[in-house]
Amino acid sequence: MPQTGKFLETKEPVYVDLGLTSGTLWATMNVGASTKSGIGNYYMWGKGDKTYDRGDSINNASSLTSSTDTATQVFGSNWSTPTKYQWQELIDECTWTWGTVDGVYGCTVTKNNKSIFLPAGGRYS
């Protein structure tokens, strides 16, 4: 069922179980994307579902709460932005292969014949 954010309407992503030690389930697409190869929207750390704006102040918090976590705000309470530990686990336990999916350059992260695609999203200008 679609979730509606303040600045966008997007589908709740499907998750994939890569079989990681922690049991972490990864979304199949970025926040704001409608496909697995979609780059999605640009957000600032700790600003919840507010899209990037150059005039915003920086949030220097080292962790997120449900009110400042973009994934939680857009997709609901079952979702959260990956932690440093979860990223490290993904790096340590998976195979990373650079290439294109649907014409979008990025990295396919694979374990146990299952994968997620991390598009190389560029930068906001």
C-alpha atoms as a PDB file:
ATOM      1  CA  MET A   1       0.000   0.000   0.000  1.00  0.00           C
ATOM      2  CA  PRO A   2       1.476   3.407  -0.915  1.00  0.00           C
ATOM      3  CA  GLN A   3       2.778   5.574   1.891  1.00  0.00           C
ATOM      4  CA  THR A   4       2.322   9.321   1.494  1.00  0.00           C
ATOM      5  CA  GLY A   5       5.092  11.634   2.675  1.00  0.00           C
ATOM      6  CA  LYS A   6       4.878  15.395   2.983  1.00  0.00           C
ATOM      7  CA  PHE A   7       6.822  15.963  -0.238  1.00  0.00           C
ATOM      8  CA  LEU A   8       6.264  12.839  -2.293  1.00  0.00           C
ATOM      9  CA  GLU A   9       4.121   9.817  -2.853  1.00  0.00           C
ATOM     10  CA  THR A  10       5.997   6.559  -3.146  1.00  0.00           C
ATOM     11  CA  LYS A  11       5.431   2.846  -2.826  1.00  0.00           C
ATOM     12  CA  GLU A  12       6.554   1.060   0.310  1.00  0.00           C
ATOM     13  CA  PRO A  13       9.533  -0.983  -0.832  1.00  0.00           C
ATOM     14  CA  VAL A  14       9.732  -4.726  -0.829  1.00  0.00           C
ATOM     15  CA  TYR A  15      12.548  -6.130   1.269  1.00  0.00           C
ATOM     16  CA  VAL A  16      15.118  -8.789   0.484  1.00  0.00           C
ATOM     17  CA  ASP A  17      16.642 -11.189   3.009  1.00  0.00           C
ATOM     18  CA  LEU A  18      20.278 -11.554   1.997  1.00  0.00           C
ATOM     19  CA  GLY A  19      20.908 -14.010   4.829  1.00  0.00           C
ATOM     20  CA  LEU A  20      23.071 -11.609   6.810  1.00  0.00           C
ATOM     21  CA  THR A  21      24.279 -12.664  10.253  1.00  0.00           C
ATOM     22  CA  SER A  22      22.160 -10.010  12.006  1.00  0.00           C
ATOM     23  CA  GLY A  23      19.011 -10.886  10.067  1.00  0.00           C
ATOM     24  CA  THR A  24      18.773  -7.337   8.684  1.00  0.00           C
ATOM     25  CA  LEU A  25      16.345  -7.069   5.776  1.00  0.00           C
ATOM     26  CA  TRP A  26      17.253  -4.518   3.098  1.00  0.00           C
ATOM     27  CA  ALA A  27      14.798  -2.475   1.023  1.00  0.00           C
ATOM     28  CA  THR A  28      14.857  -3.109  -2.717  1.00  0.00           C
ATOM     29  CA  MET A  29      14.833   0.611  -3.545  1.00  0.00           C
ATOM     30  CA  ASN A  30      15.894   4.004  -2.232  1.00  0.00           C
ATOM     31  CA  VAL A  31      13.553   6.412  -0.458  1.00  0.00           C
ATOM     32  CA  GLY A  32      11.725   8.378  -3.136  1.00  0.00           C
ATOM     33  CA  ALA A  33      12.396   5.825  -5.889  1.00  0.00           C
ATOM     34  CA  SER A  34       9.682   3.812  -7.608  1.00  0.00           C
ATOM     35  CA  THR A  35      12.000   1.134  -9.025  1.00  0.00           C
ATOM     36  CA  LYS A  36      15.060  -0.715  -7.733  1.00  0.00           C
ATOM     37  CA  SER A  37      17.304   1.232 -10.113  1.00  0.00           C
ATOM     38  CA  GLY A  38      15.754   4.607  -9.243  1.00  0.00           C
ATOM     39  CA  ILE A  39      18.017   7.068  -7.474  1.00  0.00           C
ATOM     40  CA  GLY A  40      15.206   8.493  -5.340  1.00  0.00           C
ATOM     41  CA  ASN A  41      15.237  11.839  -3.558  1.00  0.00           C
ATOM     42  CA  TYR A  42      17.984  13.715  -1.735  1.00  0.00           C
ATOM     43  CA  TYR A  43      17.585  14.099   2.019  1.00  0.00           C
ATOM     44  CA  MET A  44      19.709  15.637   4.744  1.00  0.00           C
ATOM     45  CA  TRP A  45      20.823  13.537   7.713  1.00  0.00           C
ATOM     46  CA  GLY A  46      18.405  13.879  10.605  1.00  0.00           C
ATOM     47  CA  LYS A  47      15.773  15.945   8.789  1.00  0.00           C
ATOM     48  CA  GLY A  48      13.095  13.249   8.517  1.00  0.00           C
ATOM     49  CA  ASP A  49      11.029  13.411   5.343  1.00  0.00           C
ATOM     50  CA  LYS A  50      12.118  16.948   4.421  1.00  0.00           C
ATOM     51  CA  THR A  51      13.933  16.905   1.075  1.00  0.00           C
ATOM     52  CA  TYR A  52      17.305  18.620   0.737  1.00  0.00           C
ATOM     53  CA  ASP A  53      17.462  22.410   0.827  1.00  0.00           C
ATOM     54  CA  ARG A  54      20.790  24.289   0.781  1.00  0.00           C
ATOM     55  CA  GLY A  55      19.519  26.719   3.417  1.00  0.00           C
ATOM     56  CA  ASP A  56      18.918  24.027   6.028  1.00  0.00           C
ATOM     57  CA  SER A  57      21.133  23.757   9.062  1.00  0.00           C
ATOM     58  CA  ILE A  58      23.127  20.580   9.549  1.00  0.00           C
ATOM     59  CA  ASN A  59      22.012  18.020  12.122  1.00  0.00           C
ATOM     60  CA  ASN A  60      25.181  16.726  13.819  1.00  0.00           C
ATOM     61  CA  ALA A  61      23.450  13.927  15.752  1.00  0.00           C
ATOM     62  CA  SER A  62      25.274  10.593  15.609  1.00  0.00           C
ATOM     63  CA  SER A  63      22.042   8.576  15.616  1.00  0.00           C
ATOM     64  CA  LEU A  64      18.496   9.020  14.381  1.00  0.00           C
ATOM     65  CA  THR A  65      15.162   8.952  16.182  1.00  0.00           C
ATOM     66  CA  SER A  66      11.880   7.959  14.553  1.00  0.00           C
ATOM     67  CA  SER A  67      11.098  11.649  13.992  1.00  0.00           C
ATOM     68  CA  THR A  68      14.436  12.369  12.281  1.00  0.00           C
ATOM     69  CA  ASP A  69      14.846   9.116  10.300  1.00  0.00           C
ATOM     70  CA  THR A  70      13.861   9.605   6.650  1.00  0.00           C
ATOM     71  CA  ALA A  71      13.066   5.929   6.009  1.00  0.00           C
ATOM     72  CA  THR A  72      10.818   5.781   9.083  1.00  0.00           C
ATOM     73  CA  GLN A  73       9.049   9.032   8.194  1.00  0.00           C
ATOM     74  CA  VAL A  74       8.400   8.067   4.553  1.00  0.00           C
ATOM     75  CA  PHE A  75       7.873   4.283   4.717  1.00  0.00           C
ATOM     76  CA  GLY A  76       6.576   3.818   8.268  1.00  0.00           C
ATOM     77  CA  SER A  77       7.727   2.421  11.586  1.00  0.00           C
ATOM     78  CA  ASN A  78       8.952  -0.914  10.154  1.00  0.00           C
ATOM     79  CA  TRP A  79      11.717   0.871   8.243  1.00  0.00           C
ATOM     80  CA  SER A  80      14.884   2.720   9.306  1.00  0.00           C
ATOM     81  CA  THR A  81      18.028   4.168   7.791  1.00  0.00           C
ATOM     82  CA  PRO A  82      20.849   1.598   7.949  1.00  0.00           C
ATOM     83  CA  THR A  83      23.282   1.997  10.823  1.00  0.00           C
ATOM     84  CA  LYS A  84      27.072   2.020  10.519  1.00  0.00           C
ATOM     85  CA  TYR A  85      27.058  -1.585  11.824  1.00  0.00           C
ATOM     86  CA  GLN A  86      24.527  -2.668   9.163  1.00  0.00           C
ATOM     87  CA  TRP A  87      26.567  -1.053   6.368  1.00  0.00           C
ATOM     88  CA  GLN A  88      29.728  -2.737   7.637  1.00  0.00           C
ATOM     89  CA  GLU A  89      27.965  -6.109   7.742  1.00  0.00           C
ATOM     90  CA  LEU A  90      26.823  -5.580   4.133  1.00  0.00           C
ATOM     91  CA  ILE A  91      30.416  -4.757   3.131  1.00  0.00           C
ATOM     92  CA  ASP A  92      31.908  -7.730   4.996  1.00  0.00           C
ATOM     93  CA  GLU A  93      29.413 -10.434   4.053  1.00  0.00           C
ATOM     94  CA  CYS A  94      28.403  -9.624   0.462  1.00  0.00           C
ATOM     95  CA  THR A  95      29.914  -9.465  -3.005  1.00  0.00           C
ATOM     96  CA  TRP A  96      29.866  -5.999  -4.587  1.00  0.00           C
ATOM     97  CA  THR A  97      29.803  -5.674  -8.391  1.00  0.00           C
ATOM     98  CA  TRP A  98      29.744  -2.354 -10.264  1.00  0.00           C
ATOM     99  CA  GLY A  99      27.636  -2.158 -13.431  1.00  0.00           C
ATOM    100  CA  THR A 100      24.344  -0.913 -14.834  1.00  0.00           C
ATOM    101  CA  VAL A 101      20.736  -1.878 -14.146  1.00  0.00           C
ATOM    102  CA  ASP A 102      18.060  -0.356 -16.386  1.00  0.00           C
ATOM    103  CA  GLY A 103      20.716   2.028 -17.735  1.00  0.00           C
ATOM    104  CA  VAL A 104      21.631   3.289 -14.241  1.00  0.00           C
ATOM    105  CA  TYR A 105      25.214   2.858 -13.016  1.00  0.00           C
ATOM    106  CA  GLY A 106      25.646   1.499  -9.521  1.00  0.00           C
ATOM    107  CA  CYS A 107      26.611  -1.476  -7.413  1.00  0.00           C
ATOM    108  CA  THR A 108      24.820  -4.809  -7.112  1.00  0.00           C
ATOM    109  CA  VAL A 109      25.302  -6.261  -3.634  1.00  0.00           C
ATOM    110  CA  THR A 110      24.833 -10.044  -3.557  1.00  0.00           C
ATOM    111  CA  LYS A 111      24.700 -12.874  -1.037  1.00  0.00           C
ATOM    112  CA  ASN A 112      23.002 -16.288  -1.287  1.00  0.00           C
ATOM    113  CA  ASN A 113      21.918 -15.575  -4.896  1.00  0.00           C
ATOM    114  CA  LYS A 114      19.853 -12.589  -3.701  1.00  0.00           C
ATOM    115  CA  SER A 115      20.776  -8.974  -4.297  1.00  0.00           C
ATOM    116  CA  ILE A 116      20.021  -5.291  -3.888  1.00  0.00           C
ATOM    117  CA  PHE A 117      21.100  -2.527  -6.256  1.00  0.00           C
ATOM    118  CA  LEU A 118      22.660   0.683  -4.944  1.00  0.00           C
ATOM    119  CA  PRO A 119      22.489   3.302  -7.699  1.00  0.00           C
ATOM    120  CA  ALA A 120      25.354   5.784  -7.896  1.00  0.00           C
ATOM    121  CA  GLY A 121      23.155   8.815  -7.300  1.00  0.00           C
ATOM    122  CA  GLY A 122      25.579  11.608  -8.008  1.00  0.00           C
ATOM    123  CA  ARG A 123      25.221  14.839  -6.075  1.00  0.00           C
ATOM    124  CA  TYR A 124      22.670  17.532  -5.506  1.00  0.00           C
ATOM    125  CA  SER A 125      23.489  20.815  -7.219  1.00  0.00           C
END
